[in-house]
Structure formats: structure tokens, C-alpha cells
């Protein structure tokens, strides 16, 4: 028997869906009953599927009498009425019902195509099945995709691990960034505090660079003498580099400042520059101010001219109109802010002193020019040294070109950063230092207190004449110099009846007693108190001092 469905099957099917295995499910289309012309039913009965297995036996029917039809289709002698047998008699209806083929139940309306075996669910209804454990068998699934699944699981796991690692690294970076920022803030505040740039520091702390309480400060000092080759006058300034507070200062010294020579004789700074030269003047300044001048720089006006040209001119605020010395009636330098000065203009401005004007006015202009040069000079020591070498000066033996270049480079760095200032040393009309000078310049700028004398250095004794007789100060100077002390003039004061010897450092008490004995004063005149900033021991000569 050929199981292939070849179209000869007279049954018709329609698609009703798909089963759980994806196979199509068909249903038999309901058809009207058919009968043989001879009046007999089909040998197998209605709804028989010849391709199904022996689940339904052929229906045996007794031959029915051949029906006869009238013209209008009426059944005679018990024949079938195709237009409705229900119109016949009761007997006819009973006979027709017995002769009618059996109808297929509705639950059997679903069928498969002829070559498809009925599904197990249809062959045995689910509600009638009784499953037991021994009826099940585990079947191992094909493992052809198992490697892909394992690779996918490894991939997802590695991605999760990478995400966690990225998060951990991100947290570590954030923590490291916070630590670095905190260190930067602390370091910046420390630097600003040490440099005295914090806005909440007091004015006194700012003046001293915010490091007064930090202990002794280190200062590098050189003295510069400007010689006017045309007019013959000189101007002197101290260039100070405070390496502790990282600040620079130009201290202007008036020519009228009283200084003492090696023999204790008093002279002025201007006269000392002309007579004693560089070494004698620096020693006198050290003795007077308690500084340690490391070298002397003689700067003649032609070299100042060349220096300004080498740095590319300077820009400063000028306070006067300076006439042109080569053109009568012409103005070389105009008064105003941020005036650009060439070499000749800078020399003319630095040496200019109007008629009737105080010497301090000309000193301040010199200080402006020096600060302007430092702002334009290179901060690199090698480059600054090259500039100094280009000047082709013959320097003092105490200061080499390399040392001067390195020193000026440090000051140039301070000037560019705004950590540079110019201060004038105030003196009295007699050339002695005022109390304001001792407290502001000598104490704050030049070292705070007078340096302790090294082994072999003589003790500095400041003398103020309050006897009412000028000759008494000279007598005291001679006595002190002969006794091995350094005489420091502190000027004159109103007459007082008794003399007084004071010392600020307790270690100087015995020295003060010896000074009193040298001057012929009683030891009861010695007491601890405030001494002059530029002296180890201070003496006020009263009317009880006879000078003998």
C-alpha cells in the first residue's frame, strides 16, 4: 500500500494550527452524507479513514430497497427524500433514521493529514493517562553548543569583574586626587604664610615676611656706590636678599649718615666713600648697622647707562621733569606713570636733584632706577652673570662677576614676583640714627637685632650725649676706643643729671659693667633695658660724667 497522500483521498481537510513540535494540525471538513445509486451505504460507513489503523470496523448495512423518485422528488415505498424526509410519516422517519449512516462525533473532527500519524495526545486523552516515575527516561541534550554557552558565561563574568575593577580603580583615583589636593592646599598655605602673603596676617607680620617667630633670618647684603662721573657726587644703597622670607630690599643710605672709622673718629658716609674706598666704608657700615656686607659694587654712571640698555630699557613712575643736559631748554624725562627710560634717561633721572631739594629725593630716584633694572634683569643666574660680564667692569676684589650675577638674579626674581621694596634709612640732622630708623630699618630689614660679635670682634657701644657739653662725647669716644670698644654715635639729647648704661641681652651684663668702669661711671648705673638696635651696649652720658 502506498502511504503517500497523492490526492486520490476523497476526504477534505483544513489547517487549524500547530502542535508543540511545530507540526501542522488539520481538521476534517464536514460533508453531506452520500449514498450509492443502488440504495446501499458505503461498505465502510460514513467518516471511515482508510489510512488509519484498525480502530474502526466497517459498518455492515442491510441492502435497502431501491428508492423510486417521483417527478417532484417525493419518496415512494419508503425511499429517501432528498428535500427533507421529515415531511413523511412517522414510520418513514423511523426507517430513514435506521438507514442513515452513523455521524462522526465532534471531538473526532480534528485529524492529521493521511501520511501523519495521530499525535499521542489525541491517541490517548491526557485526562485518562496515568504516568509513573519508571515511565520517564532522562535524555542527555546534545552538547554541540555547550562550549559556546561556557564561553558566553566566561565573557559575562569577565565583564562583571572588569566593571568592578574599573569602579575600584575609580574610587582609588578619587581618594588619591583628594589627598593630592589636600597636600597642595596645605603646602600653598604654608608657602604663603612663610612669605607673609596671607591676607589675614597683621601688618607687622607682613613687613617681616610672616617669619618673625620662626627664629633668626639669613640675609645676604652687598653695598652699591653710584659714582656720577660728570657731577662727582655719590649715592650709596644696600641691596638685601632675605633668603628666609624670600624678599628683597634696597636700603638707601644718605651721605650725611655718621659713621666711625677704624680709630673711632666720626665721619660722614659720603666722605668715607671718597676717602676710605670700598673696604673702609663697608666696615664702617657694618659697625654702625650691625650688618655683614659681603661685597662692594662700584657702579659708575656710564655702566649704569649700559646696564639699562642691556636689559632693554626700564619702566618706572617718575616724579619730576628732568631737563636734557645736552639740549638747553629741552626735557629728557617727563613726569608721569610708567615712563619708559633708556640708558641716558635712566642716568639723568637717577642723579637728578632739583635746586633746593633734599638729598633724600635724589636717593629715592636712584632706588627707583635700581628696582626697575632688577625687574627687567633675567632671573637665571647664568644669564644675569653674562649681563654683568658684558658690562666689562673692573669689580672690587671682594665681589666676582659670578657672585654678583647670582646675587642680582635672586633679587630680580623677587622684583618680578612683587616681593621687593625700597626703604630709606632715616637719620637726624647730625647724621645719627633716629629711633624710627633703629626700629624700622635696622631691626626689621637688616637683621632684627645686632648680630653677636664673633671671636675677636670688639663690642659696639652706642653713646648719646646728654651732658649739655659737646666735648664730653669726644672724651667718651677716646676712652672707649682706647679700651678696645667700637664707638657708635647715637647723637645728642636733652641734659639729664645722671648717666645710664643699659643692655638688652642678659649675656651682656658683664660687658656693660666693664663699659661703665671704662667711662668712669659707677656700676649702679648699669641696668637691663632697651639698647640701641645697632649697639651691644647703650650709654646715655649725664651731667655726672666728667670725661676724666
Protein backbone atom coordinates (compact mmCIF):
# COMPACT_ATOMS: atom_id res chain seq x y z
CA UNK A 1 0.00 0.00 0.00
CA UNK A 2 1.37 3.43 -0.86
CA UNK A 3 1.34 5.63 2.29
CA UNK A 4 1.91 8.85 0.36
CA UNK A 5 -1.01 11.10 0.06
CA UNK A 6 -1.46 11.51 -3.71
CA UNK A 7 -4.71 13.38 -3.95
CA UNK A 8 -6.98 10.37 -4.51
CA UNK A 9 -8.29 10.53 -0.97
CA UNK A 10 -11.80 11.89 -1.26
CA UNK A 11 -11.67 13.40 2.27
CA UNK A 12 -11.04 17.17 2.62
CA UNK A 13 -9.01 18.78 5.46
CA UNK A 14 -8.46 22.32 6.69
CA UNK A 15 -5.49 23.75 8.76
CA UNK A 16 -6.41 24.57 12.34
CA UNK A 17 -2.98 25.23 13.94
CA UNK A 18 0.33 23.71 15.02
CA UNK A 19 1.25 21.37 17.81
CA UNK A 20 4.05 21.79 20.39
CA UNK A 21 6.53 20.23 17.94
CA UNK A 22 5.75 22.76 15.22
CA UNK A 23 3.82 20.27 13.03
CA UNK A 24 0.62 21.45 11.27
CA UNK A 25 -2.71 20.17 12.60
CA UNK A 26 -5.62 19.61 10.19
CA UNK A 27 -9.32 19.05 10.69
CA UNK A 28 -11.68 17.05 8.50
CA UNK A 29 -14.22 19.15 6.75
CA UNK A 30 -17.83 18.12 7.44
CA UNK A 31 -19.57 16.77 4.32
CA UNK A 32 -23.12 15.83 3.49
CA UNK A 33 -23.93 12.08 3.57
CA UNK A 34 -23.50 10.26 0.28
CA UNK A 35 -25.29 7.11 -0.84
CA UNK A 36 -24.79 4.61 -3.60
CA UNK A 37 -27.10 4.73 -6.60
CA UNK A 38 -28.17 1.23 -5.75
CA UNK A 39 -29.53 2.48 -2.43
CA UNK A 40 -26.72 0.85 -0.41
CA UNK A 41 -24.34 2.63 2.04
CA UNK A 42 -20.65 2.55 1.63
CA UNK A 43 -19.15 -0.67 2.76
CA UNK A 44 -17.13 1.07 5.46
CA UNK A 45 -19.72 3.55 6.60
CA UNK A 46 -19.59 7.34 6.94
CA UNK A 47 -16.35 9.04 8.10
CA UNK A 48 -14.11 5.99 7.63
CA UNK A 49 -10.42 6.79 7.15
CA UNK A 50 -8.84 4.00 5.12
CA UNK A 51 -5.33 5.07 6.27
CA UNK A 52 -5.97 4.88 9.95
CA UNK A 53 -5.02 1.76 11.82
CA UNK A 54 -7.79 -0.71 12.68
CA UNK A 55 -9.60 1.39 15.20
CA UNK A 56 -12.93 1.42 13.36
CA UNK A 57 -14.58 -1.65 11.80
CA UNK A 58 -16.62 -1.44 8.60
CA UNK A 59 -20.28 -0.91 9.17
CA UNK A 60 -22.40 -3.71 7.74
CA UNK A 61 -25.71 -2.46 6.48
CA UNK A 62 -28.59 -4.45 5.06
CA UNK A 63 -29.34 -3.57 1.47
CA UNK A 64 -32.01 -1.00 1.28
CA UNK A 65 -34.77 -1.18 -1.22
CA UNK A 66 -34.14 0.80 -4.34
CA UNK A 67 -35.87 4.10 -3.92
CA UNK A 68 -38.03 5.47 -6.65
CA UNK A 69 -38.45 9.15 -7.21
CA UNK A 70 -41.41 10.91 -8.48
CA UNK A 71 -41.27 13.96 -10.61
CA UNK A 72 -41.06 16.31 -7.58
CA UNK A 73 -38.60 14.23 -5.60
CA UNK A 74 -41.07 12.64 -3.29
CA UNK A 75 -40.07 9.28 -1.81
CA UNK A 76 -42.25 6.29 -2.56
CA UNK A 77 -42.27 2.91 -0.92
CA UNK A 78 -40.06 4.14 1.89
CA UNK A 79 -37.30 5.67 -0.35
CA UNK A 80 -35.03 8.61 0.62
CA UNK A 81 -36.42 12.08 0.19
CA UNK A 82 -33.54 14.39 -0.55
CA UNK A 83 -35.62 17.51 0.15
CA UNK A 84 -36.45 16.50 3.72
CA UNK A 85 -37.65 13.13 4.88
CA UNK A 86 -39.11 14.79 7.90
CA UNK A 87 -42.13 15.59 5.79
CA UNK A 88 -43.09 11.83 5.60
CA UNK A 89 -44.97 9.75 8.02
CA UNK A 90 -43.68 8.62 11.38
CA UNK A 91 -42.90 5.16 10.06
CA UNK A 92 -40.98 6.63 7.21
CA UNK A 93 -38.97 8.81 9.60
CA UNK A 94 -38.12 5.80 11.75
CA UNK A 95 -36.99 3.73 8.78
CA UNK A 96 -34.94 6.65 7.45
CA UNK A 97 -33.22 7.10 10.81
CA UNK A 98 -32.28 3.45 10.92
CA UNK A 99 -30.97 3.50 7.37
CA UNK A 100 -28.91 6.77 7.92
CA UNK A 101 -25.11 6.31 8.30
CA UNK A 102 -23.54 6.99 11.74
CA UNK A 103 -22.29 10.56 12.35
CA UNK A 104 -18.72 11.33 13.41
CA UNK A 105 -18.53 12.87 16.94
CA UNK A 106 -17.38 16.47 17.21
CA UNK A 107 -14.31 15.51 19.27
CA UNK A 108 -13.07 13.48 16.26
CA UNK A 109 -13.33 16.41 13.87
CA UNK A 110 -9.64 17.18 14.28
CA UNK A 111 -7.46 14.98 12.13
CA UNK A 112 -3.99 14.86 10.64
CA UNK A 113 -3.05 14.59 7.04
CA UNK A 114 -3.22 10.95 5.83
CA UNK A 115 0.51 10.28 6.00
CA UNK A 116 0.81 11.80 9.51
CA UNK A 117 0.17 9.55 12.46
CA UNK A 118 -2.16 10.90 15.13
CA UNK A 119 -0.47 12.70 17.98
CA UNK A 120 0.00 10.86 21.24
CA UNK A 121 -2.23 13.38 22.96
CA UNK A 122 -5.11 12.54 20.57
CA UNK A 123 -4.49 8.81 20.62
CA UNK A 124 -4.76 8.77 24.40
CA UNK A 125 -6.55 11.66 26.13
CA UNK A 126 -4.46 13.41 28.80
CA UNK A 127 -7.12 13.02 31.44
CA UNK A 128 -7.06 9.22 31.03
CA UNK A 129 -3.26 8.82 31.34
CA UNK A 130 -1.62 7.55 34.50
CA UNK A 131 2.09 8.42 34.43
CA UNK A 132 4.57 6.76 36.80
CA UNK A 133 8.16 7.54 37.64
CA UNK A 134 9.59 4.43 35.95
CA UNK A 135 7.97 5.51 32.70
CA UNK A 136 10.32 8.57 32.41
CA UNK A 137 13.78 8.44 30.92
CA UNK A 138 16.32 11.30 31.03
CA UNK A 139 17.85 12.07 27.69
CA UNK A 140 21.12 13.97 27.56
CA UNK A 141 20.79 17.07 25.45
CA UNK A 142 23.21 17.47 22.55
CA UNK A 143 26.30 19.34 23.75
CA UNK A 144 27.30 20.84 20.42
CA UNK A 145 26.56 24.35 21.83
CA UNK A 146 27.92 23.76 25.34
CA UNK A 147 31.29 25.36 24.56
CA UNK A 148 29.55 28.48 23.28
CA UNK A 149 27.48 28.65 26.45
CA UNK A 150 30.59 28.29 28.62
CA UNK A 151 32.38 30.98 26.61
CA UNK A 152 29.40 33.29 27.00
CA UNK A 153 29.30 32.72 30.76
CA UNK A 154 33.03 33.42 30.99
CA UNK A 155 32.58 36.57 28.93
CA UNK A 156 29.75 37.89 31.10
CA UNK A 157 31.71 37.01 34.24
CA UNK A 158 34.84 38.76 32.97
CA UNK A 159 32.79 41.82 32.05
CA UNK A 160 31.39 41.97 35.57
CA UNK A 161 34.87 41.61 37.03
CA UNK A 162 36.17 44.37 34.76
CA UNK A 163 33.33 46.64 35.82
CA UNK A 164 34.10 46.04 39.49
CA UNK A 165 37.81 46.58 38.86
CA UNK A 166 37.09 49.82 37.00
CA UNK A 167 34.91 51.01 39.88
CA UNK A 168 37.62 50.13 42.40
CA UNK A 169 40.26 51.95 40.39
CA UNK A 170 37.96 54.93 40.03
CA UNK A 171 37.48 55.09 43.80
CA UNK A 172 41.25 54.83 44.32
CA UNK A 173 41.83 57.66 41.87
CA UNK A 174 39.30 59.86 43.63
CA UNK A 175 40.92 59.19 47.01
CA UNK A 176 44.40 59.88 45.58
CA UNK A 177 43.16 63.11 43.97
CA UNK A 178 41.65 64.30 47.24
CA UNK A 179 44.91 63.56 49.08
CA UNK A 180 46.97 65.41 46.47
CA UNK A 181 44.64 68.42 46.58
CA UNK A 182 44.80 68.49 50.37
CA UNK A 183 48.61 68.40 50.28
CA UNK A 184 48.67 71.18 47.68
CA UNK A 185 46.37 73.35 49.79
CA UNK A 186 48.44 72.78 52.92
CA UNK A 187 51.68 73.42 51.05
CA UNK A 188 50.29 76.57 49.42
CA UNK A 189 49.08 77.96 52.72
CA UNK A 190 52.45 77.17 54.29
CA UNK A 191 54.28 78.96 51.49
CA UNK A 192 52.00 82.00 51.68
CA UNK A 193 52.41 82.09 55.46
CA UNK A 194 56.19 81.90 55.25
CA UNK A 195 56.22 84.60 52.58
CA UNK A 196 53.84 86.81 54.56
CA UNK A 197 51.22 86.89 51.78
CA UNK A 198 48.22 85.64 53.70
CA UNK A 199 45.54 88.35 53.74
CA UNK A 200 44.73 87.86 57.42
CA UNK A 201 48.31 88.40 58.64
CA UNK A 202 48.94 91.56 60.60
CA UNK A 203 50.85 94.45 59.08
CA UNK A 204 53.86 93.75 61.28
CA UNK A 205 53.93 90.14 60.13
CA UNK A 206 53.72 91.20 56.50
CA UNK A 207 56.61 93.64 56.92
CA UNK A 208 58.85 90.92 58.23
CA UNK A 209 57.66 88.30 55.75
CA UNK A 210 55.49 86.48 58.27
CA UNK A 211 58.50 84.69 59.71
CA UNK A 212 59.41 86.76 62.76
CA UNK A 213 58.58 83.93 65.11
CA UNK A 214 60.48 81.42 63.00
CA UNK A 215 63.82 82.39 64.54
CA UNK A 216 66.90 84.11 63.11
CA UNK A 217 66.76 85.15 59.49
CA UNK A 218 69.50 84.89 56.93
CA UNK A 219 70.34 87.95 54.85
CA UNK A 220 72.82 88.46 52.03
CA UNK A 221 73.95 92.08 51.69
CA UNK A 222 76.12 93.96 49.21
CA UNK A 223 76.70 97.70 49.06
CA UNK A 224 76.48 99.57 45.75
CA UNK A 225 78.02 103.01 45.20
CA UNK A 226 76.78 105.07 42.25
CA UNK A 227 79.51 107.46 41.08
CA UNK A 228 78.40 110.35 38.90
CA UNK A 229 81.36 110.82 36.62
CA UNK A 230 80.11 114.24 35.49
CA UNK A 231 78.98 115.82 38.73
CA UNK A 232 81.29 113.97 41.11
CA UNK A 233 78.56 113.09 43.64
CA UNK A 234 77.98 109.60 45.00
CA UNK A 235 74.92 107.67 46.10
CA UNK A 236 75.01 104.58 48.32
CA UNK A 237 72.49 101.79 48.80
CA UNK A 238 72.41 98.36 50.39
CA UNK A 239 70.97 95.53 48.31
CA UNK A 240 69.49 92.99 50.75
CA UNK A 241 68.32 89.47 49.90
CA UNK A 242 66.41 87.89 52.78
CA UNK A 243 66.70 84.18 51.99
CA UNK A 244 64.42 83.27 54.90
CA UNK A 245 61.38 85.31 53.88
CA UNK A 246 62.25 85.35 50.16
CA UNK A 247 62.12 89.13 49.93
CA UNK A 248 64.45 91.75 48.56
CA UNK A 249 65.06 95.32 49.68
CA UNK A 250 67.07 98.33 48.60
CA UNK A 251 68.10 100.35 51.66
CA UNK A 252 69.11 103.89 50.71
CA UNK A 253 71.85 105.42 52.88
CA UNK A 254 72.12 109.24 52.99
CA UNK A 255 75.59 110.71 52.55
CA UNK A 256 75.08 112.59 55.81
CA UNK A 257 74.98 109.35 57.80
CA UNK A 258 77.58 109.48 60.58
CA UNK A 259 80.00 106.56 60.57
CA UNK A 260 83.09 105.79 62.59
CA UNK A 261 86.50 104.96 61.23
CA UNK A 262 88.92 102.35 62.48
CA UNK A 263 90.32 104.79 65.03
CA UNK A 264 86.87 105.66 66.28
CA UNK A 265 86.76 109.06 64.64
CA UNK A 266 83.38 110.12 63.28
CA UNK A 267 82.88 110.91 59.64
CA UNK A 268 80.03 111.01 57.12
CA UNK A 269 79.20 108.24 54.69
CA UNK A 270 79.83 110.45 51.67
CA UNK A 271 83.28 111.44 52.90
CA UNK A 272 84.08 107.83 53.78
CA UNK A 273 83.29 106.70 50.22
CA UNK A 274 85.62 109.31 48.79
CA UNK A 275 88.47 108.80 51.28
CA UNK A 276 88.42 105.21 52.55
CA UNK A 277 87.24 103.47 49.41
CA UNK A 278 85.11 100.37 49.37
CA UNK A 279 86.62 98.30 52.17
CA UNK A 280 86.77 101.10 54.74
CA UNK A 281 83.20 102.14 54.01
CA UNK A 282 81.76 98.64 54.24
CA UNK A 283 83.49 98.13 57.59
CA UNK A 284 82.07 101.40 58.88
CA UNK A 285 78.58 100.40 57.73
CA UNK A 286 78.91 97.02 59.41
CA UNK A 287 79.96 98.68 62.65
CA UNK A 288 77.12 101.18 62.52
CA UNK A 289 74.23 98.97 61.37
CA UNK A 290 75.34 95.56 62.57
CA UNK A 291 75.27 94.16 59.05
CA UNK A 292 77.65 91.80 57.30
CA UNK A 293 78.38 93.37 53.92
CA UNK A 294 79.64 90.62 51.62
CA UNK A 295 80.91 92.80 48.82
CA UNK A 296 81.05 96.23 47.26
CA UNK A 297 79.78 97.10 43.77
CA UNK A 298 81.03 100.36 42.32
CA UNK A 299 78.66 101.41 39.57
CA UNK A 300 79.77 104.44 37.59
CA UNK A 301 77.10 106.26 35.57
CA UNK A 302 78.40 105.03 32.16
CA UNK A 303 78.00 101.43 33.38
CA UNK A 304 74.51 102.20 34.65
CA UNK A 305 73.72 103.52 31.18
CA UNK A 306 74.96 100.29 29.59
CA UNK A 307 73.16 98.14 32.14
CA UNK A 308 69.78 99.74 31.32
CA UNK A 309 70.43 99.30 27.61
CA UNK A 310 71.33 95.62 28.10
CA UNK A 311 68.09 94.82 29.91
CA UNK A 312 66.04 96.60 27.24
CA UNK A 313 65.07 99.91 28.93
CA UNK A 314 63.04 100.21 32.13
CA UNK A 315 59.51 101.37 33.02
CA UNK A 316 59.05 103.40 36.22
CA UNK A 317 56.83 106.12 37.68
CA UNK A 318 58.74 109.40 37.54
CA UNK A 319 58.09 112.25 39.99
CA UNK A 320 59.86 115.11 38.18
CA UNK A 321 60.61 116.55 34.76
CA UNK A 322 64.33 116.12 34.13
CA UNK A 323 65.96 118.59 31.73
CA UNK A 324 68.22 117.35 28.97
CA UNK A 325 71.82 118.26 29.93
CA UNK A 326 72.86 118.33 26.26
CA UNK A 327 69.96 120.45 24.95
CA UNK A 328 69.19 123.67 26.73
CA UNK A 329 65.51 124.09 27.48
CA UNK A 330 64.61 120.52 26.42
CA UNK A 331 63.09 117.91 28.73
CA UNK A 332 64.72 114.50 28.70
CA UNK A 333 62.46 112.71 31.21
CA UNK A 334 58.81 113.61 31.66
CA UNK A 335 56.90 113.26 34.88
CA UNK A 336 54.26 110.52 34.82
CA UNK A 337 53.36 106.90 35.44
CA UNK A 338 55.13 104.03 33.72
CA UNK A 339 57.56 106.14 31.76
CA UNK A 340 59.96 104.16 29.56
CA UNK A 341 63.54 105.22 30.18
CA UNK A 342 66.53 104.43 28.02
CA UNK A 343 70.07 104.28 29.36
CA UNK A 344 70.82 108.06 29.20
CA UNK A 345 67.35 108.87 30.54
CA UNK A 346 67.78 106.47 33.48
CA UNK A 347 71.16 108.01 34.38
CA UNK A 348 69.74 111.54 34.21
CA UNK A 349 66.76 110.60 36.40
CA UNK A 350 68.84 108.62 38.98
CA UNK A 351 71.26 111.55 39.52
CA UNK A 352 68.77 114.42 39.27
CA UNK A 353 68.39 116.72 42.26
CA UNK A 354 66.43 119.91 41.80
CA UNK A 355 67.63 123.21 43.26
CA UNK A 356 66.78 123.38 46.97
CA UNK A 357 65.64 119.77 47.00
CA UNK A 358 66.66 117.41 49.81
CA UNK A 359 69.22 114.73 49.18
CA UNK A 360 66.67 112.04 50.02
CA UNK A 361 64.62 112.93 46.89
CA UNK A 362 67.57 112.13 44.63
CA UNK A 363 68.21 108.90 46.60
CA UNK A 364 64.64 107.75 46.06
CA UNK A 365 65.01 108.25 42.28
CA UNK A 366 68.19 106.16 42.35
CA UNK A 367 66.30 103.45 44.20
CA UNK A 368 63.52 103.51 41.58
CA UNK A 369 66.03 103.02 38.77
CA UNK A 370 67.70 100.09 40.57
CA UNK A 371 64.37 98.36 41.16
CA UNK A 372 63.38 98.96 37.53
CA UNK A 373 66.63 97.33 36.36
CA UNK A 374 66.07 94.31 38.59
CA UNK A 375 62.55 93.81 37.18
CA UNK A 376 64.00 93.59 33.66
CA UNK A 377 67.10 91.57 34.54
CA UNK A 378 66.99 87.81 33.96
CA UNK A 379 66.23 85.58 36.96
CA UNK A 380 68.56 82.93 35.60
CA UNK A 381 71.97 83.13 37.35
CA UNK A 382 73.89 82.25 34.21
CA UNK A 383 72.09 84.84 32.09
CA UNK A 384 72.49 87.51 34.79
CA UNK A 385 76.20 86.70 35.04
CA UNK A 386 76.52 87.12 31.26
CA UNK A 387 74.93 90.57 31.56
CA UNK A 388 77.41 91.55 34.27
CA UNK A 389 80.32 90.27 32.19
CA UNK A 390 79.11 92.26 29.20
CA UNK A 391 79.47 95.47 31.24
CA UNK A 392 83.24 94.83 31.30
CA UNK A 393 83.64 96.43 34.71
CA UNK A 394 86.63 96.10 36.95
CA UNK A 395 84.96 94.94 40.11
CA UNK A 396 86.12 95.10 43.69
CA UNK A 397 88.14 92.00 44.65
CA UNK A 398 85.56 91.19 47.30
CA UNK A 399 82.91 90.56 44.60
CA UNK A 400 83.41 88.42 41.49
CA UNK A 401 81.30 88.60 38.35
CA UNK A 402 79.78 85.20 39.05
CA UNK A 403 78.85 86.12 42.62
CA UNK A 404 77.38 89.44 41.55
CA UNK A 405 75.38 87.81 38.73
CA UNK A 406 73.95 85.13 41.00
CA UNK A 407 73.08 87.70 43.66
CA UNK A 408 71.33 90.03 41.20
CA UNK A 409 69.39 87.10 39.70
CA UNK A 410 67.85 86.32 43.11
CA UNK A 411 66.86 89.96 43.59
CA UNK A 412 65.43 90.02 40.06
CA UNK A 413 63.22 87.07 40.91
CA UNK A 414 61.86 88.87 43.98
CA UNK A 415 61.26 92.03 41.96
CA UNK A 416 59.28 90.17 39.29
CA UNK A 417 57.15 88.46 41.95
CA UNK A 418 56.36 91.74 43.71
CA UNK A 419 58.44 90.80 46.76
CA UNK A 420 60.75 93.78 46.55
CA UNK A 421 60.69 97.19 48.20
CA UNK A 422 62.82 100.28 48.63
CA UNK A 423 63.42 101.81 52.08
CA UNK A 424 65.18 104.99 53.12
CA UNK A 425 67.32 104.94 56.27
CA UNK A 426 66.19 107.99 58.27
CA UNK A 427 68.88 110.00 60.07
CA UNK A 428 68.91 113.10 62.21
CA UNK A 429 70.37 116.36 61.10
CA UNK A 430 73.63 115.50 62.85
CA UNK A 431 73.87 112.22 60.91
CA UNK A 432 72.98 109.91 63.75
CA UNK A 433 70.28 107.28 63.52
CA UNK A 434 66.83 108.13 64.78
CA UNK A 435 64.76 105.81 66.92
CA UNK A 436 62.48 105.21 63.93
CA UNK A 437 65.46 104.08 61.87
CA UNK A 438 66.58 101.68 64.59
CA UNK A 439 63.12 100.07 64.84
CA UNK A 440 62.02 100.01 61.20
CA UNK A 441 65.08 99.60 59.00
CA UNK A 442 67.93 98.35 61.16
CA UNK A 443 65.75 95.95 63.14
CA UNK A 444 63.25 94.75 60.52
CA UNK A 445 65.21 94.95 57.27
CA UNK A 446 68.82 94.49 58.25
CA UNK A 447 68.54 91.75 60.83
CA UNK A 448 66.11 92.38 63.66
CA UNK A 449 68.84 92.73 66.26
CA UNK A 450 72.51 93.49 66.14
CA UNK A 451 74.48 90.37 65.34
CA UNK A 452 76.53 88.84 68.12
CA UNK A 453 80.20 89.71 67.70
CA UNK A 454 82.39 86.86 66.61
CA UNK A 455 85.56 85.90 68.43
CA UNK A 456 87.95 88.82 68.20
CA UNK A 457 85.26 91.40 67.30
CA UNK A 458 85.07 94.45 69.52
CA UNK A 459 81.95 95.33 71.46
CA UNK A 460 79.85 98.13 69.94
CA UNK A 461 78.94 100.86 72.37
CA UNK A 462 76.38 103.47 71.45
CA UNK A 463 76.94 106.90 73.05
CA UNK A 464 74.27 109.59 73.39
CA UNK A 465 75.49 112.92 74.77
CA UNK A 466 73.06 114.33 77.35
CA UNK A 467 75.64 116.34 79.31
CA UNK A 468 74.93 119.63 77.64
CA UNK A 469 78.60 119.90 76.58
CA UNK A 470 79.65 118.74 73.10
CA UNK A 471 83.23 117.95 74.18
CA UNK A 472 82.02 115.25 76.59
CA UNK A 473 81.03 112.95 73.66
CA UNK A 474 84.53 113.23 72.20
CA UNK A 475 86.06 112.34 75.56
CA UNK A 476 83.83 109.23 75.76
CA UNK A 477 84.80 108.19 72.23
CA UNK A 478 88.50 108.35 73.01
CA UNK A 479 88.08 106.36 76.21
CA UNK A 480 86.10 103.62 74.50
CA UNK A 481 88.44 103.28 71.51
CA UNK A 482 91.43 103.07 73.81
CA UNK A 483 89.61 100.39 75.78
CA UNK A 484 89.15 98.26 72.64
CA UNK A 485 85.50 99.07 72.03
CA UNK A 486 83.83 100.27 68.86
CA UNK A 487 82.32 103.70 69.24
CA UNK A 488 78.86 104.22 67.73
CA UNK A 489 77.46 107.72 67.86
CA UNK A 490 73.82 107.90 68.94
CA UNK A 491 73.56 111.68 68.71
CA UNK A 492 72.64 114.20 71.39
CA UNK A 493 69.71 114.59 73.76
CA UNK A 494 68.47 116.99 76.38
CA UNK A 495 70.59 117.26 79.54
CA UNK A 496 69.94 114.69 82.26
CA UNK A 497 71.52 114.68 85.73
CA UNK A 498 72.80 111.08 85.88
CA UNK A 499 74.33 108.71 83.36
CA UNK A 500 72.86 105.33 82.49
CA UNK A 501 74.33 102.16 80.92
CA UNK A 502 71.80 99.65 79.53
CA UNK A 503 71.99 96.23 77.91
CA UNK A 504 69.22 94.22 76.28
CA UNK A 505 70.79 90.74 76.36
CA UNK A 506 71.42 89.24 79.78
CA UNK A 507 74.68 87.83 78.44
CA UNK A 508 75.91 91.42 78.03
CA UNK A 509 75.55 92.37 81.69
CA UNK A 510 79.25 91.93 82.48
CA UNK A 511 80.21 93.77 79.29
CA UNK A 512 78.00 96.67 80.38
CA UNK A 513 79.73 96.74 83.78
CA UNK A 514 83.13 96.92 82.06
CA UNK A 515 81.93 99.77 79.82
CA UNK A 516 80.77 101.71 82.89
CA UNK A 517 84.18 101.24 84.52
CA UNK A 518 85.95 102.36 81.31
CA UNK A 519 83.92 105.59 81.28
CA UNK A 520 84.43 106.17 84.99
CA UNK A 521 80.76 105.61 85.83
CA UNK A 522 79.51 103.77 88.94
CA UNK A 523 78.35 100.20 88.46
CA UNK A 524 74.99 101.21 89.91
CA UNK A 525 74.34 102.98 86.59
CA UNK A 526 74.16 99.60 84.84
CA UNK A 527 70.69 98.14 84.32
CA UNK A 528 68.90 95.90 81.90
CA UNK A 529 66.74 97.75 79.43
CA UNK A 530 66.27 98.64 75.79
CA UNK A 531 69.53 99.18 73.97
CA UNK A 532 70.07 100.78 70.57
CA UNK A 533 69.42 98.45 67.65
CA UNK A 534 72.91 99.00 66.24
CA UNK A 535 74.84 98.64 69.52
CA UNK A 536 75.51 95.93 72.05
CA UNK A 537 75.52 98.34 74.97
CA UNK A 538 73.96 101.80 75.06
CA UNK A 539 75.21 104.69 77.19
CA UNK A 540 73.46 107.96 77.96
CA UNK A 541 76.01 110.44 79.30
CA UNK A 542 74.51 112.60 82.02
CA UNK A 543 75.81 115.68 83.76
CA UNK A 544 77.57 113.48 86.30
CA UNK A 545 80.01 112.38 83.59
CA UNK A 546 83.15 114.48 83.81
CA UNK A 547 85.11 112.84 81.00
CA UNK A 548 88.17 112.33 83.12
